[in-house]
Every structure is written in C-alpha cells, then in structure tokens.
Amino acid sequence: MRTNIVLNDTLVREAMRYSRARTKRELVDEALQTFVKVKAAEAGRGSYRERVLSLEQRLRGLALRERPSAVLRADRDRA
C-alpha cells in the first residue's frame, strides 16, 4: 500500500540507531512488524490470563489431599 506520511526526524534518527534498516521505508516496515508482534503477545497473555481465571473458578472449592509444599518436597526428593 502506498502512502505519504510525515515522520519526526529526531525519532527516525534515534530509531535508525537501534535498527538494521537502511531506509525509512525499511524502518517503518520493521516498526509495524514489531508493533504487530507486541500486540499479538499482549492478546495471547490476555487469553492465557482468562484461561487461568476460568480454571481457578472451576477448581475453587476442591481440597488437596496434601499440602503443596509436601508435594513439591516429594518431587524434589525423587530427583
């Protein structure tokens, strides 16, 4: 997609120091790819958080036969 944008020259110079990009176009492409990765990771963490909360709700009210520290100790001693 072709478009014209006005970029902050100071910000572009600083970004170029951290990038392997040789051109402003490559820099913008890299920035967009990074943005997408970061947002996808945020969405994944949100989804994970929702699954953990759901699991905690389903497990609420269940009692363990042993204390968690006893289970961890037994696991450690087996190694």
PDB file of N, CA and C in Angstrom:
ATOM      1  N   MET A   1       0.852  -1.163   0.000  1.00  0.00           N
ATOM      2  CA  MET A   1       0.000   0.000   0.000  1.00  0.00           C
ATOM      3  C   MET A   1       0.904   1.233   0.000  1.00  0.00           C
ATOM      4  N   ARG A   2       0.608   2.124  -0.853  1.00  0.00           N
ATOM      5  CA  ARG A   2       1.419   3.335  -0.986  1.00  0.00           C
ATOM      6  C   ARG A   2       0.750   4.486  -0.243  1.00  0.00           C
ATOM      7  N   THR A   3       1.570   5.218   0.540  1.00  0.00           N
ATOM      8  CA  THR A   3       1.034   6.358   1.275  1.00  0.00           C
ATOM      9  C   THR A   3       2.158   7.343   1.579  1.00  0.00           C
ATOM     10  N   ASN A   4       1.797   8.546   1.864  1.00  0.00           N
ATOM     11  CA  ASN A   4       2.763   9.570   2.271  1.00  0.00           C
ATOM     12  C   ASN A   4       2.498   9.930   3.720  1.00  0.00           C
ATOM     13  N   ILE A   5       3.572   9.955   4.522  1.00  0.00           N
ATOM     14  CA  ILE A   5       3.426  10.332   5.927  1.00  0.00           C
ATOM     15  C   ILE A   5       4.560  11.271   6.317  1.00  0.00           C
ATOM     16  N   VAL A   6       4.315  12.081   7.310  1.00  0.00           N
ATOM     17  CA  VAL A   6       5.338  12.968   7.838  1.00  0.00           C
ATOM     18  C   VAL A   6       5.876  12.323   9.113  1.00  0.00           C
ATOM     19  N   LEU A   7       7.187  12.089   9.133  1.00  0.00           N
ATOM     20  CA  LEU A   7       7.822  11.434  10.267  1.00  0.00           C
ATOM     21  C   LEU A   7       8.625  12.440  11.079  1.00  0.00           C
ATOM     22  N   ASN A   8       8.704  12.208  12.369  1.00  0.00           N
ATOM     23  CA  ASN A   8       9.514  13.026  13.259  1.00  0.00           C
ATOM     24  C   ASN A   8      10.978  12.675  13.003  1.00  0.00           C
ATOM     25  N   ASP A   9      11.756  13.639  12.485  1.00  0.00           N
ATOM     26  CA  ASP A   9      13.147  13.371  12.098  1.00  0.00           C
ATOM     27  C   ASP A   9      14.001  12.908  13.267  1.00  0.00           C
ATOM     28  N   THR A  10      13.821  13.505  14.429  1.00  0.00           N
ATOM     29  CA  THR A  10      14.595  13.117  15.607  1.00  0.00           C
ATOM     30  C   THR A  10      14.288  11.678  15.994  1.00  0.00           C
ATOM     31  N   LEU A  11      13.018  11.331  15.979  1.00  0.00           N
ATOM     32  CA  LEU A  11      12.608   9.972  16.320  1.00  0.00           C
ATOM     33  C   LEU A  11      13.117   8.961  15.292  1.00  0.00           C
ATOM     34  N   VAL A  12      13.098   9.341  14.029  1.00  0.00           N
ATOM     35  CA  VAL A  12      13.597   8.453  12.970  1.00  0.00           C
ATOM     36  C   VAL A  12      15.094   8.218  13.151  1.00  0.00           C
ATOM     37  N   ARG A  13      15.862   9.279  13.415  1.00  0.00           N
ATOM     38  CA  ARG A  13      17.309   9.111  13.631  1.00  0.00           C
ATOM     39  C   ARG A  13      17.594   8.180  14.808  1.00  0.00           C
ATOM     40  N   GLU A  14      16.851   8.363  15.885  1.00  0.00           N
ATOM     41  CA  GLU A  14      17.051   7.505  17.056  1.00  0.00           C
ATOM     42  C   GLU A  14      16.673   6.060  16.750  1.00  0.00           C
ATOM     43  N   ALA A  15      15.561   5.872  16.069  1.00  0.00           N
ATOM     44  CA  ALA A  15      15.121   4.519  15.717  1.00  0.00           C
ATOM     45  C   ALA A  15      16.122   3.842  14.791  1.00  0.00           C
ATOM     46  N   MET A  16      16.723   4.604  13.894  1.00  0.00           N
ATOM     47  CA  MET A  16      17.708   4.029  12.971  1.00  0.00           C
ATOM     48  C   MET A  16      18.940   3.514  13.726  1.00  0.00           C
ATOM     49  N   ARG A  17      19.260   4.131  14.863  1.00  0.00           N
ATOM     50  CA  ARG A  17      20.394   3.661  15.668  1.00  0.00           C
ATOM     51  C   ARG A  17      20.145   2.253  16.194  1.00  0.00           C
ATOM     52  N   TYR A  18      18.891   1.916  16.471  1.00  0.00           N
ATOM     53  CA  TYR A  18      18.537   0.609  17.042  1.00  0.00           C
ATOM     54  C   TYR A  18      18.146  -0.416  15.991  1.00  0.00           C
ATOM     55  N   SER A  19      18.085  -0.001  14.761  1.00  0.00           N
ATOM     56  CA  SER A  19      17.576  -0.860  13.706  1.00  0.00           C
ATOM     57  C   SER A  19      18.672  -1.219  12.709  1.00  0.00           C
ATOM     58  N   ARG A  20      18.431  -2.282  11.981  1.00  0.00           N
ATOM     59  CA  ARG A  20      19.316  -2.650  10.874  1.00  0.00           C
ATOM     60  C   ARG A  20      18.827  -2.032   9.567  1.00  0.00           C
ATOM     61  N   ALA A  21      17.713  -1.353   9.637  1.00  0.00           N
ATOM     62  CA  ALA A  21      17.122  -0.765   8.438  1.00  0.00           C
ATOM     63  C   ALA A  21      18.069   0.263   7.830  1.00  0.00           C
ATOM     64  N   ARG A  22      18.109   0.275   6.525  1.00  0.00           N
ATOM     65  CA  ARG A  22      18.949   1.241   5.814  1.00  0.00           C
ATOM     66  C   ARG A  22      18.130   2.413   5.284  1.00  0.00           C
ATOM     67  N   THR A  23      16.826   2.208   5.168  1.00  0.00           N
ATOM     68  CA  THR A  23      15.962   3.262   4.631  1.00  0.00           C
ATOM     69  C   THR A  23      14.808   3.510   5.590  1.00  0.00           C
ATOM     70  N   LYS A  24      14.150   4.642   5.401  1.00  0.00           N
ATOM     71  CA  LYS A  24      12.974   4.946   6.229  1.00  0.00           C
ATOM     72  C   LYS A  24      11.872   3.938   5.968  1.00  0.00           C
ATOM     73  N   ARG A  25      11.738   3.497   4.742  1.00  0.00           N
ATOM     74  CA  ARG A  25      10.709   2.502   4.416  1.00  0.00           C
ATOM     75  C   ARG A  25      10.953   1.208   5.192  1.00  0.00           C
ATOM     76  N   GLU A  26      12.206   0.738   5.200  1.00  0.00           N
ATOM     77  CA  GLU A  26      12.536  -0.468   5.959  1.00  0.00           C
ATOM     78  C   GLU A  26      12.287  -0.254   7.447  1.00  0.00           C
ATOM     79  N   LEU A  27      12.589   0.936   7.935  1.00  0.00           N
ATOM     80  CA  LEU A  27      12.374   1.256   9.335  1.00  0.00           C
ATOM     81  C   LEU A  27      10.883   1.192   9.691  1.00  0.00           C
ATOM     82  N   VAL A  28      10.053   1.773   8.846  1.00  0.00           N
ATOM     83  CA  VAL A  28       8.607   1.746   9.089  1.00  0.00           C
ATOM     84  C   VAL A  28       8.093   0.314   9.027  1.00  0.00           C
ATOM     85  N   ASP A  29       8.573  -0.478   8.064  1.00  0.00           N
ATOM     86  CA  ASP A  29       8.164  -1.888   7.981  1.00  0.00           C
ATOM     87  C   ASP A  29       8.542  -2.639   9.257  1.00  0.00           C
ATOM     88  N   GLU A  30       9.778  -2.426   9.716  1.00  0.00           N
ATOM     89  CA  GLU A  30      10.225  -3.092  10.947  1.00  0.00           C
ATOM     90  C   GLU A  30       9.386  -2.656  12.148  1.00  0.00           C
ATOM     91  N   ALA A  31       9.087  -1.367  12.217  1.00  0.00           N
ATOM     92  CA  ALA A  31       8.275  -0.851  13.323  1.00  0.00           C
ATOM     93  C   ALA A  31       6.879  -1.469  13.301  1.00  0.00           C
ATOM     94  N   LEU A  32       6.289  -1.597  12.125  1.00  0.00           N
ATOM     95  CA  LEU A  32       4.956  -2.203  12.030  1.00  0.00           C
ATOM     96  C   LEU A  32       4.988  -3.682  12.416  1.00  0.00           C
ATOM     97  N   GLN A  33       6.031  -4.398  11.974  1.00  0.00           N
ATOM     98  CA  GLN A  33       6.156  -5.814  12.342  1.00  0.00           C
ATOM     99  C   GLN A  33       6.302  -5.961  13.857  1.00  0.00           C
ATOM    100  N   THR A  34       7.114  -5.117  14.451  1.00  0.00           N
ATOM    101  CA  THR A  34       7.307  -5.157  15.904  1.00  0.00           C
ATOM    102  C   THR A  34       6.004  -4.847  16.621  1.00  0.00           C
ATOM    103  N   PHE A  35       5.287  -3.851  16.151  1.00  0.00           N
ATOM    104  CA  PHE A  35       4.005  -3.479  16.739  1.00  0.00           C
ATOM    105  C   PHE A  35       3.034  -4.660  16.719  1.00  0.00           C
ATOM    106  N   VAL A  36       2.954  -5.337  15.577  1.00  0.00           N
ATOM    107  CA  VAL A  36       2.043  -6.484  15.451  1.00  0.00           C
ATOM    108  C   VAL A  36       2.456  -7.599  16.410  1.00  0.00           C
ATOM    109  N   LYS A  37       3.753  -7.896  16.515  1.00  0.00           N
ATOM    110  CA  LYS A  37       4.224  -8.945  17.427  1.00  0.00           C
ATOM    111  C   LYS A  37       3.889  -8.614  18.875  1.00  0.00           C
ATOM    112  N   VAL A  38       4.113  -7.360  19.257  1.00  0.00           N
ATOM    113  CA  VAL A  38       3.848  -6.940  20.636  1.00  0.00           C
ATOM    114  C   VAL A  38       2.363  -7.054  20.948  1.00  0.00           C
ATOM    115  N   LYS A  39       1.517  -6.583  20.056  1.00  0.00           N
ATOM    116  CA  LYS A  39       0.074  -6.632  20.290  1.00  0.00           C
ATOM    117  C   LYS A  39      -0.439  -8.069  20.286  1.00  0.00           C
ATOM    118  N   ALA A  40       0.113  -8.925  19.422  1.00  0.00           N
ATOM    119  CA  ALA A  40      -0.288 -10.335  19.411  1.00  0.00           C
ATOM    120  C   ALA A  40       0.110 -11.005  20.725  1.00  0.00           C
ATOM    121  N   ALA A  41       1.293 -10.672  21.228  1.00  0.00           N
ATOM    122  CA  ALA A  41       1.737 -11.238  22.506  1.00  0.00           C
ATOM    123  C   ALA A  41       0.845 -10.763  23.646  1.00  0.00           C
ATOM    124  N   GLU A  42       0.460  -9.483  23.615  1.00  0.00           N
ATOM    125  CA  GLU A  42      -0.459  -8.964  24.636  1.00  0.00           C
ATOM    126  C   GLU A  42      -1.785  -9.705  24.595  1.00  0.00           C
ATOM    127  N   ALA A  43      -2.289  -9.936  23.398  1.00  0.00           N
ATOM    128  CA  ALA A  43      -3.560 -10.659  23.263  1.00  0.00           C
ATOM    129  C   ALA A  43      -3.420 -12.084  23.784  1.00  0.00           C
ATOM    130  N   GLY A  44      -2.278 -12.709  23.511  1.00  0.00           N
ATOM    131  CA  GLY A  44      -2.034 -14.064  23.997  1.00  0.00           C
ATOM    132  C   GLY A  44      -1.973 -14.122  25.505  1.00  0.00           C
ATOM    133  N   ARG A  45      -1.308 -13.124  26.105  1.00  0.00           N
ATOM    134  CA  ARG A  45      -1.244 -13.087  27.566  1.00  0.00           C
ATOM    135  C   ARG A  45      -2.628 -12.871  28.156  1.00  0.00           C
ATOM    136  N   GLY A  46      -3.426 -12.035  27.505  1.00  0.00           N
ATOM    137  CA  GLY A  46      -4.792 -11.807  27.973  1.00  0.00           C
ATOM    138  C   GLY A  46      -5.599 -13.085  27.909  1.00  0.00           C
ATOM    139  N   SER A  47      -5.439 -13.807  26.808  1.00  0.00           N
ATOM    140  CA  SER A  47      -6.145 -15.069  26.642  1.00  0.00           C
ATOM    141  C   SER A  47      -5.688 -16.069  27.701  1.00  0.00           C
ATOM    142  N   TYR A  48      -4.374 -16.126  27.952  1.00  0.00           N
ATOM    143  CA  TYR A  48      -3.842 -17.029  28.972  1.00  0.00           C
ATOM    144  C   TYR A  48      -4.409 -16.667  30.338  1.00  0.00           C
ATOM    145  N   ARG A  49      -4.423 -15.371  30.634  1.00  0.00           N
ATOM    146  CA  ARG A  49      -4.939 -14.902  31.925  1.00  0.00           C
ATOM    147  C   ARG A  49      -6.398 -15.324  32.087  1.00  0.00           C
ATOM    148  N   GLU A  50      -7.184 -15.199  31.011  1.00  0.00           N
ATOM    149  CA  GLU A  50      -8.593 -15.589  31.073  1.00  0.00           C
ATOM    150  C   GLU A  50      -8.732 -17.092  31.320  1.00  0.00           C
ATOM    151  N   ARG A  51      -7.886 -17.895  30.669  1.00  0.00           N
ATOM    152  CA  ARG A  51      -7.953 -19.351  30.866  1.00  0.00           C
ATOM    153  C   ARG A  51      -7.577 -19.723  32.297  1.00  0.00           C
ATOM    154  N   VAL A  52      -6.565 -19.059  32.847  1.00  0.00           N
ATOM    155  CA  VAL A  52      -6.154 -19.341  34.230  1.00  0.00           C
ATOM    156  C   VAL A  52      -7.275 -18.979  35.194  1.00  0.00           C
ATOM    157  N   LEU A  53      -7.897 -17.810  35.001  1.00  0.00           N
ATOM    158  CA  LEU A  53      -9.001 -17.409  35.876  1.00  0.00           C
ATOM    159  C   LEU A  53     -10.159 -18.391  35.789  1.00  0.00           C
ATOM    160  N   SER A  54     -10.455 -18.838  34.573  1.00  0.00           N
ATOM    161  CA  SER A  54     -11.528 -19.813  34.388  1.00  0.00           C
ATOM    162  C   SER A  54     -11.205 -21.115  35.117  1.00  0.00           C
ATOM    163  N   LEU A  55      -9.970 -21.563  34.999  1.00  0.00           N
ATOM    164  CA  LEU A  55      -9.551 -22.789  35.675  1.00  0.00           C
ATOM    165  C   LEU A  55      -9.627 -22.628  37.188  1.00  0.00           C
ATOM    166  N   GLU A  56      -9.179 -21.480  37.684  1.00  0.00           N
ATOM    167  CA  GLU A  56      -9.243 -21.233  39.124  1.00  0.00           C
ATOM    168  C   GLU A  56     -10.687 -21.261  39.614  1.00  0.00           C
ATOM    169  N   GLN A  57     -11.602 -20.718  38.853  1.00  0.00           N
ATOM    170  CA  GLN A  57     -13.011 -20.727  39.248  1.00  0.00           C
ATOM    171  C   GLN A  57     -13.551 -22.152  39.296  1.00  0.00           C
ATOM    172  N   ARG A  58     -13.171 -22.975  38.309  1.00  0.00           N
ATOM    173  CA  ARG A  58     -13.661 -24.356  38.295  1.00  0.00           C
ATOM    174  C   ARG A  58     -13.064 -25.183  39.425  1.00  0.00           C
ATOM    175  N   LEU A  59     -11.831 -24.846  39.819  1.00  0.00           N
ATOM    176  CA  LEU A  59     -11.169 -25.624  40.879  1.00  0.00           C
ATOM    177  C   LEU A  59     -11.484 -25.120  42.279  1.00  0.00           C
ATOM    178  N   ARG A  60     -12.088 -23.950  42.365  1.00  0.00           N
ATOM    179  CA  ARG A  60     -12.399 -23.385  43.669  1.00  0.00           C
ATOM    180  C   ARG A  60     -13.299 -24.366  44.439  1.00  0.00           C
ATOM    181  N   GLY A  61     -13.002 -24.575  45.668  1.00  0.00           N
ATOM    182  CA  GLY A  61     -13.807 -25.471  46.485  1.00  0.00           C
ATOM    183  C   GLY A  61     -13.238 -26.876  46.559  1.00  0.00           C
ATOM    184  N   LEU A  62     -12.276 -27.209  45.675  1.00  0.00           N
ATOM    185  CA  LEU A  62     -11.641 -28.524  45.756  1.00  0.00           C
ATOM    186  C   LEU A  62     -10.561 -28.492  46.831  1.00  0.00           C
ATOM    187  N   ALA A  63     -10.408 -29.579  47.537  1.00  0.00           N
ATOM    188  CA  ALA A  63      -9.399 -29.658  48.587  1.00  0.00           C
ATOM    189  C   ALA A  63      -8.289 -30.602  48.147  1.00  0.00           C
ATOM    190  N   LEU A  64      -7.060 -30.221  48.419  1.00  0.00           N
ATOM    191  CA  LEU A  64      -5.922 -31.076  48.111  1.00  0.00           C
ATOM    192  C   LEU A  64      -5.761 -32.132  49.199  1.00  0.00           C
ATOM    193  N   ARG A  65      -5.291 -33.293  48.824  1.00  0.00           N
ATOM    194  CA  ARG A  65      -5.035 -34.346  49.807  1.00  0.00           C
ATOM    195  C   ARG A  65      -3.777 -34.036  50.606  1.00  0.00           C
ATOM    196  N   GLU A  66      -2.853 -33.322  49.944  1.00  0.00           N
ATOM    197  CA  GLU A  66      -1.607 -32.959  50.605  1.00  0.00           C
ATOM    198  C   GLU A  66      -1.382 -31.462  50.449  1.00  0.00           C
ATOM    199  N   ARG A  67      -0.560 -30.936  51.327  1.00  0.00           N
ATOM    200  CA  ARG A  67      -0.201 -29.523  51.188  1.00  0.00           C
ATOM    201  C   ARG A  67       0.707 -29.366  49.965  1.00  0.00           C
ATOM    202  N   PRO A  68       0.639 -28.258  49.264  1.00  0.00           N
ATOM    203  CA  PRO A  68       1.500 -28.055  48.092  1.00  0.00           C
ATOM    204  C   PRO A  68       2.983 -28.187  48.425  1.00  0.00           C
ATOM    205  N   SER A  69       3.401 -27.729  49.592  1.00  0.00           N
ATOM    206  CA  SER A  69       4.817 -27.827  49.961  1.00  0.00           C
ATOM    207  C   SER A  69       5.241 -29.288  50.084  1.00  0.00           C
ATOM    208  N   ALA A  70       4.347 -30.152  50.564  1.00  0.00           N
ATOM    209  CA  ALA A  70       4.670 -31.577  50.684  1.00  0.00           C
ATOM    210  C   ALA A  70       4.813 -32.208  49.302  1.00  0.00           C
ATOM    211  N   VAL A  71       3.961 -31.821  48.377  1.00  0.00           N
ATOM    212  CA  VAL A  71       4.041 -32.346  47.011  1.00  0.00           C
ATOM    213  C   VAL A  71       5.358 -31.906  46.376  1.00  0.00           C
ATOM    214  N   LEU A  72       5.729 -30.633  46.527  1.00  0.00           N
ATOM    215  CA  LEU A  72       6.976 -30.133  45.959  1.00  0.00           C
ATOM    216  C   LEU A  72       8.185 -30.825  46.588  1.00  0.00           C
ATOM    217  N   ARG A  73       8.147 -31.024  47.885  1.00  0.00           N
ATOM    218  CA  ARG A  73       9.256 -31.679  48.565  1.00  0.00           C
ATOM    219  C   ARG A  73       9.413 -33.108  48.061  1.00  0.00           C
ATOM    220  N   ALA A  74       8.333 -33.829  47.911  1.00  0.00           N
ATOM    221  CA  ALA A  74       8.400 -35.208  47.420  1.00  0.00           C
ATOM    222  C   ALA A  74       8.941 -35.242  46.006  1.00  0.00           C
ATOM    223  N   ASP A  75       8.547 -34.282  45.186  1.00  0.00           N
ATOM    224  CA  ASP A  75       9.024 -34.228  43.814  1.00  0.00           C
ATOM    225  C   ASP A  75      10.525 -33.950  43.802  1.00  0.00           C
ATOM    226  N   ARG A  76      10.963 -33.022  44.649  1.00  0.00           N
ATOM    227  CA  ARG A  76      12.390 -32.691  44.747  1.00  0.00           C
ATOM    228  C   ARG A  76      13.200 -33.898  45.197  1.00  0.00           C
ATOM    229  N   ASP A  77      12.689 -34.644  46.173  1.00  0.00           N
ATOM    230  CA  ASP A  77      13.417 -35.787  46.720  1.00  0.00           C
ATOM    231  C   ASP A  77      13.528 -36.943  45.735  1.00  0.00           C
ATOM    232  N   ARG A  78      12.589 -37.024  44.783  1.00  0.00           N
ATOM    233  CA  ARG A  78      12.641 -38.088  43.774  1.00  0.00           C
ATOM    234  C   ARG A  78      13.794 -37.871  42.804  1.00  0.00           C
ATOM    235  N   ALA A  79      14.211 -36.633  42.617  1.00  0.00           N
ATOM    236  CA  ALA A  79      15.257 -36.311  41.623  1.00  0.00           C
ATOM    237  C   ALA A  79      16.628 -36.733  42.037  1.00  0.00           C
TER     238      ALA A  79
END
